[in-house]
């Protein structure tokens, strides 16, 4: 099945549902239709986009995610499916009852995978991992020594070949592109979590009473370098201060449709995220000891 991410930001549009199809009508362009069950993420940022209730309900029923953006095209809200698995109630219960040692071991695996992916990306871009692969081996249960933060301090300046660069969500530079890419990635992972019958607000590490997607924030960590790679590639021909326009957003979305390596097979991010979420559900139920996480083909 085709998996599509749709970004509506360049002009007014009207969305409705017709015979299980999402219909998009625009004033200065031909209308297009797409089966609802092929829409993985719908991103809307233009202020004059209207849609019927059937669009949101149909998208959720088909397992898709809806992302709302502000005037700067920065995602500010997300809607995920409520029902996603035939044993959802049982999995909610197992997730809520997960022991602290189990969650610490799972977080250890997530952090290791993230730092390894960052190290491999630096090897490809900067002819060296800047010590990240060694740091990955030092991660203990729960990452009590905060190796993730230590790796981050090395990673960001090396990634952009700029000793002054720091991750700042409010900065008017490539941080905007990272924000956008991460938000879409979060929606993809959140969708996979819900499809596996897990609750996105019950994290294994992240916890915030105001964050409804803590588990998505946890599970997306190893996949962040996909976005990082795309932003670095974008900056090869563009300045960091350039606007996050349609071309830039399209480039970032395209990067998330590439292939990842999982157990010697090439799979899409949607498939890999689904398998990672399913393995997490199995770990909560005591059927697995760890997660199935892909090695990024960067």
Protein backbone atom coordinates (compact mmCIF):
# COMPACT_ATOMS: atom_id res chain seq x y z
CA UNK A 1 0.00 0.00 0.00
CA UNK A 2 1.20 3.50 -0.85
CA UNK A 3 1.96 5.65 2.19
CA UNK A 4 1.65 9.39 1.66
CA UNK A 5 2.44 12.55 3.57
CA UNK A 6 0.47 15.59 2.40
CA UNK A 7 1.44 19.19 3.19
CA UNK A 8 -1.17 21.91 2.54
CA UNK A 9 0.48 25.27 2.98
CA UNK A 10 0.67 27.22 -0.26
CA UNK A 11 -2.92 28.24 -0.86
CA UNK A 12 -6.56 27.94 0.20
CA UNK A 13 -8.07 24.49 -0.02
CA UNK A 14 -11.26 22.65 0.82
CA UNK A 15 -11.10 19.09 2.11
CA UNK A 16 -13.92 16.59 2.21
CA UNK A 17 -14.51 12.86 2.10
CA UNK A 18 -16.16 11.05 -0.79
CA UNK A 19 -16.39 7.26 -1.04
CA UNK A 20 -13.48 6.68 1.36
CA UNK A 21 -11.38 9.18 -0.59
CA UNK A 22 -9.85 12.39 0.74
CA UNK A 23 -10.83 15.07 -1.77
CA UNK A 24 -8.69 18.23 -1.91
CA UNK A 25 -10.14 21.12 -3.91
CA UNK A 26 -8.05 24.22 -4.61
CA UNK A 27 -8.95 27.44 -6.41
CA UNK A 28 -5.95 27.62 -8.72
CA UNK A 29 -5.13 23.96 -9.18
CA UNK A 30 -6.85 20.79 -10.19
CA UNK A 31 -8.49 18.88 -7.40
CA UNK A 32 -6.90 15.63 -6.34
CA UNK A 33 -8.08 12.60 -4.45
CA UNK A 34 -6.29 9.99 -2.40
CA UNK A 35 -7.63 6.98 -0.47
CA UNK A 36 -7.88 7.84 3.22
CA UNK A 37 -6.05 4.68 4.21
CA UNK A 38 -3.00 5.83 2.21
CA UNK A 39 -2.62 9.11 4.12
CA UNK A 40 -0.14 8.59 6.94
CA UNK A 41 0.29 12.26 7.88
CA UNK A 42 -1.73 15.31 6.82
CA UNK A 43 0.05 18.61 7.57
CA UNK A 44 -2.01 21.81 7.35
CA UNK A 45 -0.53 25.27 7.80
CA UNK A 46 -2.34 27.60 5.40
CA UNK A 47 -4.88 29.74 7.32
CA UNK A 48 -7.62 29.21 4.73
CA UNK A 49 -7.89 25.45 4.64
CA UNK A 50 -11.33 24.15 5.55
CA UNK A 51 -12.40 20.58 6.14
CA UNK A 52 -15.46 18.69 7.24
CA UNK A 53 -15.71 16.64 10.40
CA UNK A 54 -15.72 13.57 8.19
CA UNK A 55 -12.15 14.37 7.12
CA UNK A 56 -10.78 14.22 10.67
CA UNK A 57 -12.92 11.23 11.63
CA UNK A 58 -12.08 9.37 8.43
CA UNK A 59 -8.38 10.08 8.75
CA UNK A 60 -8.33 8.85 12.35
CA UNK A 61 -10.38 5.77 11.53
CA UNK A 62 -7.94 4.93 8.73
CA UNK A 63 -5.01 5.28 11.13
CA UNK A 64 -3.62 8.59 9.87
CA UNK A 65 -2.21 11.53 11.83
CA UNK A 66 -3.21 15.20 11.48
CA UNK A 67 -0.69 17.98 12.17
CA UNK A 68 -1.74 21.64 12.53
CA UNK A 69 0.83 24.41 11.97
CA UNK A 70 1.03 28.08 12.86
CA UNK A 71 1.70 31.05 10.56
CA UNK A 72 5.42 30.20 10.48
CA UNK A 73 4.61 26.67 9.27
CA UNK A 74 5.75 25.30 12.63
CA UNK A 75 3.66 22.36 13.92
CA UNK A 76 1.69 23.31 17.02
CA UNK A 77 -0.79 20.46 17.40
CA UNK A 78 -1.32 16.83 16.48
CA UNK A 79 -4.25 14.42 16.36
CA UNK A 80 -3.66 10.67 16.49
CA UNK A 81 -6.06 7.71 16.13
CA UNK A 82 -7.79 6.66 19.33
CA UNK A 83 -8.36 3.02 18.40
CA UNK A 84 -5.55 1.02 16.88
CA UNK A 85 -5.43 -2.58 18.09
CA UNK A 86 -7.90 -5.35 18.96
CA UNK A 87 -6.30 -5.89 22.40
CA UNK A 88 -5.81 -2.21 23.14
CA UNK A 89 -7.24 -2.30 26.67
CA UNK A 90 -4.93 -5.16 27.64
CA UNK A 91 -1.92 -3.37 26.21
CA UNK A 92 -2.81 -0.12 27.97
CA UNK A 93 -2.87 -2.05 31.24
CA UNK A 94 0.47 -3.76 30.57
CA UNK A 95 2.02 -0.45 29.57
CA UNK A 96 0.80 1.31 32.70
CA UNK A 97 2.05 -1.55 34.88
CA UNK A 98 5.53 -1.72 33.32
CA UNK A 99 8.22 -1.85 35.99
CA UNK A 100 10.82 0.85 36.37
CA UNK A 101 13.73 -1.56 35.67
CA UNK A 102 12.07 -2.58 32.39
CA UNK A 103 11.56 1.02 31.31
CA UNK A 104 15.18 1.83 32.18
CA UNK A 105 16.45 -1.05 30.07
CA UNK A 106 14.27 0.01 27.16
CA UNK A 107 15.49 3.60 27.45
CA UNK A 108 19.07 2.34 27.48
CA UNK A 109 18.44 0.60 24.16
CA UNK A 110 16.81 3.72 22.68
CA UNK A 111 19.70 5.97 23.70
CA UNK A 112 22.32 3.55 22.41
CA UNK A 113 20.57 3.33 19.04
CA UNK A 114 20.27 7.11 18.82
CA UNK A 115 23.94 7.78 19.60
CA UNK A 116 25.08 5.04 17.21
CA UNK A 117 22.98 6.57 14.44
CA UNK A 118 24.45 10.00 15.19
CA UNK A 119 27.96 8.55 15.14
CA UNK A 120 27.43 6.79 11.82
CA UNK A 121 26.06 10.00 10.32
CA UNK A 122 29.13 11.93 11.44
CA UNK A 123 31.36 9.21 9.99
CA UNK A 124 29.67 9.70 6.65
CA UNK A 125 29.68 13.50 6.72
CA UNK A 126 32.81 14.42 8.70
CA UNK A 127 35.15 11.43 8.24
CA UNK A 128 34.94 10.51 11.91
CA UNK A 129 32.38 9.74 14.58
CA UNK A 130 33.84 12.26 17.10
CA UNK A 131 33.83 9.54 19.76
CA UNK A 132 30.09 8.89 19.66
CA UNK A 133 30.33 5.16 18.97
CA UNK A 134 32.51 4.80 22.05
CA UNK A 135 30.02 6.83 24.09
CA UNK A 136 27.18 4.60 22.89
CA UNK A 137 28.89 1.62 24.51
CA UNK A 138 28.95 3.48 27.83
CA UNK A 139 25.18 3.89 28.12
CA UNK A 140 23.84 2.06 31.16
CA UNK A 141 20.32 1.17 32.24
CA UNK A 142 18.27 4.36 32.38
CA UNK A 143 21.25 6.35 31.07
CA UNK A 144 21.94 7.46 34.63
CA UNK A 145 25.23 9.09 33.58
CA UNK A 146 23.42 11.19 30.96
CA UNK A 147 25.57 9.95 28.09
CA UNK A 148 22.89 11.18 25.68
CA UNK A 149 23.57 14.80 26.66
CA UNK A 150 27.33 14.33 26.45
CA UNK A 151 26.99 12.90 22.96
CA UNK A 152 24.75 15.82 21.97
CA UNK A 153 27.41 18.34 22.98
CA UNK A 154 29.79 16.74 20.49
CA UNK A 155 27.23 15.97 17.83
CA UNK A 156 25.64 19.30 16.97
CA UNK A 157 28.79 21.39 16.32
CA UNK A 158 30.28 18.52 14.31
CA UNK A 159 27.09 17.90 12.33
CA UNK A 160 26.93 21.43 10.95
CA UNK A 161 30.70 21.97 11.03
CA UNK A 162 30.14 25.00 13.26
CA UNK A 163 31.60 25.11 16.80
CA UNK A 164 29.05 27.76 17.77
CA UNK A 165 25.97 25.84 16.69
CA UNK A 166 23.59 24.73 19.43
CA UNK A 167 20.15 23.18 19.32
CA UNK A 168 17.75 26.06 19.97
CA UNK A 169 14.12 25.54 19.01
CA UNK A 170 13.48 29.29 18.79
CA UNK A 171 16.47 30.23 16.63
CA UNK A 172 15.88 31.60 13.12
CA UNK A 173 18.32 29.26 11.39
CA UNK A 174 18.37 25.56 10.49
CA UNK A 175 16.76 24.88 13.85
CA UNK A 176 13.44 25.73 12.17
CA UNK A 177 14.01 22.97 9.64
CA UNK A 178 14.89 20.53 12.40
CA UNK A 179 11.72 21.52 14.28
CA UNK A 180 9.53 20.83 11.27
CA UNK A 181 11.15 17.51 10.42
CA UNK A 182 11.02 16.30 14.01
CA UNK A 183 7.33 17.22 14.29
CA UNK A 184 6.46 15.13 11.24
CA UNK A 185 8.65 12.30 12.52
CA UNK A 186 6.83 12.52 15.86
CA UNK A 187 3.50 12.13 14.08
CA UNK A 188 4.72 9.08 12.16
CA UNK A 189 5.97 7.41 15.34
CA UNK A 190 2.86 8.44 17.27
CA UNK A 191 0.69 6.86 14.59
CA UNK A 192 2.67 3.62 14.88
CA UNK A 193 2.33 3.64 18.67
CA UNK A 194 -1.46 3.98 18.49
CA UNK A 195 -1.68 1.26 15.82
CA UNK A 196 0.15 -1.06 18.23
CA UNK A 197 -2.43 -0.51 20.95
CA UNK A 198 -0.22 1.65 23.19
CA UNK A 199 -1.04 4.98 24.79
CA UNK A 200 1.18 7.81 23.45
CA UNK A 201 1.19 9.75 26.72
CA UNK A 202 2.72 6.97 28.89
CA UNK A 203 6.44 7.27 28.18
CA UNK A 204 9.33 5.07 29.21
CA UNK A 205 11.56 8.08 29.93
CA UNK A 206 9.93 11.36 28.95
CA UNK A 207 7.29 12.51 31.41
CA UNK A 208 5.49 15.81 31.39
CA UNK A 209 1.98 16.45 32.66
CA UNK A 210 1.42 18.81 29.72
CA UNK A 211 2.73 16.45 27.02
CA UNK A 212 0.25 13.98 25.56
CA UNK A 213 2.88 12.27 23.40
CA UNK A 214 5.68 11.29 25.78
CA UNK A 215 6.00 7.79 24.35
CA UNK A 216 6.31 9.17 20.81
CA UNK A 217 9.08 11.46 22.07
CA UNK A 218 10.85 8.38 23.47
CA UNK A 219 10.54 6.07 20.50
CA UNK A 220 11.39 8.66 17.85
CA UNK A 221 14.87 9.34 19.27
CA UNK A 222 16.82 6.78 17.15
CA UNK A 223 15.19 8.15 13.99
CA UNK A 224 16.08 11.82 14.49
CA UNK A 225 19.32 11.56 12.44
CA UNK A 226 17.14 10.99 9.37
CA UNK A 227 15.94 14.57 9.74
CA UNK A 228 19.43 15.79 10.63
CA UNK A 229 20.82 14.27 7.42
CA UNK A 230 18.11 15.95 5.35
CA UNK A 231 18.80 19.36 6.90
CA UNK A 232 22.54 19.03 6.26
CA UNK A 233 21.80 18.10 2.63
CA UNK A 234 19.46 21.08 2.29
CA UNK A 235 22.11 23.46 3.57
CA UNK A 236 24.54 22.38 0.87
CA UNK A 237 22.65 24.65 -1.53
CA UNK A 238 20.79 27.00 0.82
CA UNK A 239 21.55 29.37 3.66
CA UNK A 240 20.36 28.63 7.21
CA UNK A 241 18.51 31.96 7.27
CA UNK A 242 16.37 31.12 4.23
CA UNK A 243 12.66 30.65 4.97
CA UNK A 244 11.09 27.30 5.64
CA UNK A 245 9.18 27.47 2.37
CA UNK A 246 7.29 24.88 0.38
CA UNK A 247 10.43 23.60 -1.32
CA UNK A 248 12.24 23.15 1.99
CA UNK A 249 9.32 21.37 3.61
CA UNK A 250 8.89 19.10 0.62
CA UNK A 251 12.58 18.21 0.76
CA UNK A 252 12.28 17.26 4.43
CA UNK A 253 9.15 15.19 3.87
CA UNK A 254 10.84 13.35 1.01
CA UNK A 255 13.73 12.44 3.30
CA UNK A 256 11.33 10.62 5.61
CA UNK A 257 10.12 8.36 2.83
CA UNK A 258 13.54 6.74 2.30
CA UNK A 259 14.62 3.24 3.22
CA UNK A 260 16.04 1.93 6.48
CA UNK A 261 17.86 -1.30 7.16
CA UNK A 262 16.12 -3.70 9.54
CA UNK A 263 17.53 -7.22 9.95
CA UNK A 264 19.22 -7.11 6.52
CA UNK A 265 16.03 -5.90 4.80
CA UNK A 266 15.26 -2.45 3.37
CA UNK A 267 12.03 -1.02 4.74
CA UNK A 268 10.21 2.31 4.90
CA UNK A 269 10.21 4.47 8.01
CA UNK A 270 6.50 3.76 8.43
CA UNK A 271 7.14 0.02 8.52
CA UNK A 272 10.19 0.30 10.79
CA UNK A 273 8.31 2.57 13.22
CA UNK A 274 5.41 0.11 13.27
CA UNK A 275 7.73 -2.80 14.06
CA UNK A 276 9.49 -0.81 16.78
CA UNK A 277 6.16 0.06 18.39
CA UNK A 278 4.95 -3.54 18.15
CA UNK A 279 8.17 -4.77 19.78
CA UNK A 280 7.66 -2.22 22.58
CA UNK A 281 4.15 -3.53 23.17
CA UNK A 282 5.52 -7.08 23.30
CA UNK A 283 8.16 -5.98 25.82
CA UNK A 284 5.47 -4.49 28.05
CA UNK A 285 3.58 -7.78 27.85
CA UNK A 286 6.69 -9.79 28.77
CA UNK A 287 6.97 -11.40 25.33
CA UNK A 288 10.24 -9.69 24.34
CA UNK A 289 13.29 -8.43 26.20
CA UNK A 290 14.10 -5.57 23.87
CA UNK A 291 13.10 -3.39 20.94
CA UNK A 292 13.43 -3.92 17.20
CA UNK A 293 15.24 -0.79 16.08
CA UNK A 294 16.64 -0.19 12.61
CA UNK A 295 20.18 0.75 11.74
CA UNK A 296 19.77 3.90 9.71
CA UNK A 297 20.99 3.75 6.11
CA UNK A 298 22.37 7.28 6.03
